[in-house]
Amino acid sequence: QEFPSPPEKPQPPRASADSPPRLEFPPPNVISPPPVYRAPPRQGHIPPPDEDPPLRPLPKELVLKLYKTMTLLNTMDRILYESQRQGRISFYMTNYGEEGTHVGSAAALDDTDLVFGQYREAGVLMYRGYPLDLFMAQCYGNISDPGKGRQMPVHYGCRDRHFVTISSPLATQIPQAVGAAYAIKRADANRAVICYFGEGAASEGDAHAGFNFAATLECPIVFFCRNNGYAISTPTSEQYRGDGIAARGPGYGLMSIRVDGNDVFAVYNATKEARRRAVAENQPFLIEAMTY
């Protein structure tokens, strides 16, 4: 008796795909772009708790701290930016328009979670209680500066607040953060790492290496991309042809979401859930916060 052979369906390793009937190159926009999460949505409707648990009301004290920190950061920016324009300090990077990304994400973390920043995350350190006089001392490089003037202005760092010192080269913090997250996983320390960067830094090779390492090593890390539309002065139209940064996540095996970066509650909700799952499941998450 003859048995019919099933049609051959070769399956490449680590790739889920059927054999197409003909040669075809799918266009880049064949995949739907990630939606932008907001809390509440633009219509103003707040889903009930059983639909979206992270949207439960936040304590009044927390909301006030969010507001006060964002306002204080904006005021400090204005003073130090004017100091730089007057020639009193050599360099300064403002955080205008991105306060919600800093403070909303910082509030969602545990105090012992390790932070790898770039140079627009002063609000994260401020939320953790870093004093204003040390911000000023670092930018002026005076005798009170913990770094003793060895760093450029806005390159903050604080061991006590688990904030790794910022370095100037773009994206170098990404693979470093993955290494730290892998060490935390091996130590079973019940902590997470959050790594901040801009969409311009996501064009660096270190970003691609870091994403891949985090996915394959299953590290408890949250990648937080601030997409403000410009890498210093280079618009996104000259940086990439894909749909932002969150759309890259599935290609690396990262759980990804895109949020409204000017909605501090959306940032808080997304970071809180990503941090919880990163620790519980030992897997990386990617958040793209659309800001400005």
Protein backbone atom coordinates (compact mmCIF):
# COMPACT_ATOMS: atom_id res chain seq x y z
CA GLN A 1 0.00 0.00 0.00
CA GLU A 2 1.32 3.40 -0.95
CA PHE A 3 1.06 6.29 1.43
CA PRO A 4 0.94 9.80 -0.05
CA SER A 5 3.81 11.98 1.07
CA PRO A 6 2.76 15.20 2.78
CA PRO A 7 3.76 18.35 0.95
CA GLU A 8 7.19 19.51 2.00
CA LYS A 9 7.09 22.58 4.23
CA PRO A 10 10.60 23.57 5.23
CA GLN A 11 10.64 25.50 8.48
CA PRO A 12 13.68 27.73 9.04
CA PRO A 13 14.99 27.74 12.62
CA ARG A 14 13.45 30.47 14.82
CA ALA A 15 11.26 31.73 11.99
CA SER A 16 7.51 31.29 11.67
CA ALA A 17 6.58 31.50 8.03
CA ASP A 18 4.68 29.65 5.33
CA SER A 19 6.01 29.05 1.86
CA PRO A 20 4.58 31.71 -0.47
CA PRO A 21 3.05 30.59 -3.77
CA ARG A 22 5.34 32.94 -5.69
CA LEU A 23 8.34 35.18 -5.27
CA GLU A 24 7.25 38.37 -3.54
CA PHE A 25 8.90 41.10 -1.48
CA PRO A 26 6.31 42.44 0.98
CA PRO A 27 6.28 46.25 1.28
CA PRO A 28 7.60 47.73 4.55
CA ASN A 29 4.16 49.04 5.54
CA VAL A 30 2.46 45.65 5.37
CA ILE A 31 2.50 45.45 9.19
CA SER A 32 0.16 47.78 11.07
CA PRO A 33 2.02 50.45 13.08
CA PRO A 34 1.83 50.25 16.89
CA PRO A 35 -0.94 52.44 18.34
CA VAL A 36 -0.18 55.24 20.81
CA TYR A 37 -1.40 54.37 24.31
CA ARG A 38 -2.98 57.20 26.30
CA ALA A 39 -4.55 57.30 29.75
CA PRO A 40 -7.31 58.23 29.48
CA PRO A 41 -7.89 58.04 25.72
CA ARG A 42 -8.60 61.26 23.84
CA GLN A 43 -12.33 60.65 24.15
CA GLY A 44 -11.97 61.07 27.92
CA HIS A 45 -13.44 57.65 28.73
CA ILE A 46 -11.57 55.84 31.51
CA PRO A 47 -11.97 52.06 31.20
CA PRO A 48 -13.19 50.20 34.29
CA PRO A 49 -10.51 48.52 36.44
CA ASP A 50 -11.26 45.05 35.09
CA GLU A 51 -10.39 46.23 31.57
CA ASP A 52 -7.18 48.06 32.38
CA PRO A 53 -5.95 47.46 35.96
CA PRO A 54 -3.07 49.99 35.81
CA LEU A 55 -5.61 52.81 35.38
CA ARG A 56 -6.79 52.63 38.97
CA PRO A 57 -6.66 56.04 40.70
CA LEU A 58 -3.22 57.04 41.96
CA PRO A 59 -2.70 58.40 45.49
CA LYS A 60 -2.97 62.17 45.79
CA GLU A 61 0.54 62.38 47.26
CA LEU A 62 1.99 60.62 44.22
CA VAL A 63 0.16 62.87 41.76
CA LEU A 64 1.37 65.97 43.61
CA LYS A 65 4.94 64.68 43.54
CA LEU A 66 4.69 64.08 39.80
CA TYR A 67 3.50 67.65 39.25
CA LYS A 68 6.02 69.27 41.61
CA THR A 69 8.96 67.38 40.11
CA MET A 70 8.00 68.28 36.54
CA THR A 71 7.59 71.94 37.51
CA LEU A 72 10.88 72.01 39.41
CA LEU A 73 12.73 70.38 36.51
CA ASN A 74 11.37 72.99 34.12
CA THR A 75 12.48 75.80 36.43
CA MET A 76 15.97 74.32 36.87
CA ASP A 77 16.26 73.97 33.10
CA ARG A 78 15.51 77.64 32.58
CA ILE A 79 18.09 78.78 35.15
CA LEU A 80 20.89 76.52 33.90
CA TYR A 81 20.14 77.14 30.23
CA GLU A 82 20.42 80.88 30.83
CA SER A 83 23.65 80.25 32.74
CA GLN A 84 25.07 78.45 29.72
CA ARG A 85 24.01 81.23 27.34
CA GLN A 86 25.71 83.74 29.63
CA GLY A 87 28.95 81.74 29.50
CA ARG A 88 28.85 80.71 33.15
CA ILE A 89 28.86 76.99 32.31
CA SER A 90 30.17 75.33 29.17
CA PHE A 91 27.30 73.04 28.20
CA TYR A 92 23.68 72.28 29.01
CA MET A 93 20.90 70.09 27.63
CA THR A 94 17.33 71.09 28.47
CA ASN A 95 14.48 68.69 29.11
CA TYR A 96 11.66 70.91 27.85
CA GLY A 97 8.63 68.93 26.74
CA GLU A 98 9.96 65.63 28.04
CA GLU A 99 9.27 66.08 31.75
CA GLY A 100 6.43 63.55 31.66
CA THR A 101 8.67 60.82 30.27
CA HIS A 102 11.17 61.28 33.11
CA VAL A 103 8.84 61.63 36.04
CA GLY A 104 6.14 59.20 34.95
CA SER A 105 8.66 56.41 34.40
CA ALA A 106 10.69 57.19 37.53
CA ALA A 107 7.56 56.98 39.69
CA ALA A 108 6.81 53.51 38.31
CA LEU A 109 10.17 52.06 39.37
CA ASP A 110 11.35 50.66 42.67
CA ASP A 111 13.98 52.77 44.42
CA THR A 112 16.59 50.03 44.00
CA ASP A 113 16.07 49.60 40.26
CA LEU A 114 19.19 50.52 38.31
CA VAL A 115 18.97 53.49 35.93
CA PHE A 116 21.14 53.96 32.84
CA GLY A 117 20.41 57.39 31.41
CA GLN A 118 21.54 59.44 28.46
CA TYR A 119 21.65 63.20 28.95
CA ARG A 120 17.97 64.16 29.17
CA GLU A 121 17.00 62.16 32.26
CA ALA A 122 17.63 64.72 35.00
CA GLY A 123 13.99 64.35 36.05
CA VAL A 124 14.52 60.70 36.97
CA LEU A 125 17.33 61.62 39.35
CA MET A 126 15.36 64.59 40.67
CA TYR A 127 12.36 62.35 41.40
CA ARG A 128 14.64 60.10 43.44
CA GLY A 129 15.56 63.02 45.67
CA TYR A 130 18.85 64.25 44.24
CA PRO A 131 19.33 67.73 45.76
CA LEU A 132 19.35 70.89 43.66
CA ASP A 133 22.71 72.04 45.01
CA LEU A 134 24.37 68.90 43.63
CA PHE A 135 22.74 69.42 40.23
CA MET A 136 24.22 72.92 40.23
CA ALA A 137 27.60 71.76 41.54
CA GLN A 138 27.88 69.16 38.79
CA CYS A 139 27.05 71.63 36.02
CA TYR A 140 29.49 74.21 37.39
CA GLY A 141 32.16 71.60 38.21
CA ASN A 142 32.94 73.23 41.53
CA ILE A 143 34.37 71.83 44.76
CA SER A 144 30.98 70.43 45.80
CA ASP A 145 30.64 68.36 42.62
CA PRO A 146 30.76 64.63 43.55
CA GLY A 147 32.66 64.04 40.30
CA LYS A 148 35.20 66.77 41.12
CA GLY A 149 34.69 68.46 37.76
CA ARG A 150 35.87 65.46 35.73
CA GLN A 151 32.63 65.20 33.74
CA MET A 152 30.89 67.52 31.32
CA PRO A 153 27.83 69.35 32.66
CA VAL A 154 24.57 67.33 32.87
CA HIS A 155 26.55 64.07 33.11
CA TYR A 156 25.07 63.21 36.50
CA GLY A 157 25.57 60.06 38.52
CA CYS A 158 24.67 58.88 42.02
CA ARG A 159 25.52 55.49 43.49
CA ASP A 160 23.17 55.93 46.46
CA ARG A 161 20.21 56.51 44.12
CA HIS A 162 21.21 53.71 41.74
CA PHE A 163 21.75 56.13 38.86
CA VAL A 164 24.74 55.15 36.70
CA THR A 165 26.94 58.08 35.64
CA ILE A 166 26.05 59.36 32.18
CA SER A 167 28.60 59.18 29.38
CA SER A 168 28.63 61.28 26.22
CA PRO A 169 28.90 58.66 23.44
CA LEU A 170 25.41 57.79 22.25
CA ALA A 171 23.97 54.34 22.98
CA THR A 172 26.98 52.95 24.86
CA GLN A 173 24.72 52.65 27.91
CA ILE A 174 22.41 50.18 26.14
CA PRO A 175 24.64 47.06 26.07
CA GLN A 176 26.02 48.07 29.48
CA ALA A 177 22.48 48.12 30.87
CA VAL A 178 21.79 44.68 29.40
CA GLY A 179 24.92 43.33 31.09
CA ALA A 180 23.77 44.76 34.41
CA ALA A 181 20.31 43.25 33.94
CA TYR A 182 21.84 39.86 33.18
CA ALA A 183 23.91 40.06 36.37
CA ILE A 184 20.77 40.95 38.35
CA LYS A 185 18.97 37.98 36.82
CA ARG A 186 21.79 35.59 37.77
CA ALA A 187 21.78 36.98 41.32
CA ASP A 188 17.99 36.58 41.52
CA ALA A 189 17.89 40.06 43.03
CA ASN A 190 14.22 40.91 42.29
CA ARG A 191 15.26 44.16 40.62
CA ALA A 192 14.99 45.63 37.16
CA VAL A 193 17.12 47.86 34.96
CA ILE A 194 15.74 50.74 32.94
CA CYS A 195 17.76 52.16 30.08
CA TYR A 196 16.88 55.53 28.54
CA PHE A 197 17.88 56.71 25.08
CA GLY A 198 16.57 58.81 22.22
CA GLU A 199 15.42 57.69 18.81
CA GLY A 200 18.71 59.00 17.40
CA ALA A 201 20.71 56.71 19.68
CA ALA A 202 18.53 53.82 18.47
CA SER A 203 20.28 54.20 15.10
CA GLU A 204 23.60 53.23 16.67
CA GLY A 205 24.94 49.69 16.44
CA ASP A 206 25.09 49.42 20.23
CA ALA A 207 21.29 49.67 20.32
CA HIS A 208 20.83 46.72 17.98
CA ALA A 209 23.38 44.64 19.89
CA GLY A 210 21.74 45.50 23.21
CA PHE A 211 18.23 44.63 22.02
CA ASN A 212 19.37 41.25 20.71
CA PHE A 213 21.40 40.38 23.81
CA ALA A 214 18.51 41.32 26.11
CA ALA A 215 16.08 39.11 24.20
CA THR A 216 18.32 36.06 23.86
CA LEU A 217 19.57 36.24 27.46
CA GLU A 218 16.05 37.01 28.76
CA CYS A 219 17.06 39.96 30.92
CA PRO A 220 14.80 41.96 33.29
CA ILE A 221 15.24 45.30 31.53
CA VAL A 222 12.98 48.09 30.29
CA PHE A 223 14.28 49.95 27.25
CA PHE A 224 12.79 53.45 27.31
CA CYS A 225 13.08 55.41 24.07
CA ARG A 226 12.21 59.11 24.05
CA ASN A 227 11.19 59.86 20.47
CA ASN A 228 11.09 63.65 20.17
CA GLY A 229 11.46 63.66 16.40
CA TYR A 230 15.03 64.95 16.27
CA ALA A 231 18.48 63.53 16.99
CA ILE A 232 19.95 66.90 18.06
CA SER A 233 19.14 68.49 14.67
CA THR A 234 18.55 65.44 12.44
CA PRO A 235 14.84 64.76 11.85
CA THR A 236 13.47 61.23 11.96
CA SER A 237 12.84 61.38 8.20
CA GLU A 238 16.62 61.30 7.74
CA GLN A 239 17.23 58.65 10.41
CA TYR A 240 15.04 55.72 9.42
CA ARG A 241 12.33 54.60 7.01
CA GLY A 242 10.50 52.26 9.38
CA ASP A 243 7.65 53.14 11.72
CA GLY A 244 9.51 54.49 14.72
CA ILE A 245 11.31 52.43 17.35
CA ALA A 246 8.53 50.32 18.91
CA ALA A 247 7.94 48.65 15.55
CA ARG A 248 11.46 47.22 15.72
CA GLY A 249 10.81 45.37 18.97
CA PRO A 250 9.08 42.26 17.58
CA GLY A 251 12.00 41.69 15.21
CA TYR A 252 14.26 41.23 18.23
CA GLY A 253 11.68 39.37 20.31
CA LEU A 254 10.94 42.34 22.59
CA MET A 255 7.53 43.06 24.10
CA SER A 256 6.89 46.59 22.84
CA ILE A 257 4.48 49.47 23.31
CA ARG A 258 4.18 53.05 22.07
CA VAL A 259 2.84 55.65 24.49
CA ASP A 260 2.03 59.35 24.51
CA GLY A 261 5.15 60.73 26.19
CA ASN A 262 3.36 63.95 27.13
CA ASP A 263 0.78 61.97 29.12
CA VAL A 264 2.51 61.36 32.44
CA PHE A 265 -0.13 58.83 33.50
CA ALA A 266 0.25 56.80 30.30
CA VAL A 267 4.01 56.73 30.85
CA TYR A 268 3.52 55.67 34.46
CA ASN A 269 1.06 52.89 33.57
CA ALA A 270 3.20 51.47 30.78
CA THR A 271 6.43 51.56 32.79
CA LYS A 272 4.81 50.10 35.90
CA GLU A 273 3.46 47.11 33.99
CA ALA A 274 6.65 46.63 31.96
CA ARG A 275 8.76 46.73 35.11
CA ARG A 276 6.49 44.24 36.90
CA ARG A 277 6.56 41.75 34.07
CA ALA A 278 10.27 42.20 33.38
CA VAL A 279 11.05 41.09 36.94
CA ALA A 280 8.38 38.38 37.16
CA GLU A 281 9.05 36.85 33.75
CA ASN A 282 12.73 37.70 33.15
CA GLN A 283 12.13 39.27 29.78
CA PRO A 284 12.92 42.64 28.21
CA PHE A 285 10.40 45.33 27.29
CA LEU A 286 10.62 48.28 24.92
CA ILE A 287 8.67 51.50 25.49
CA GLU A 288 8.65 54.25 22.87
CA ALA A 289 7.40 57.54 24.30
CA MET A 290 6.31 60.01 21.62
CA THR A 291 7.07 63.45 23.01
CA TYR A 292 7.24 67.14 22.07
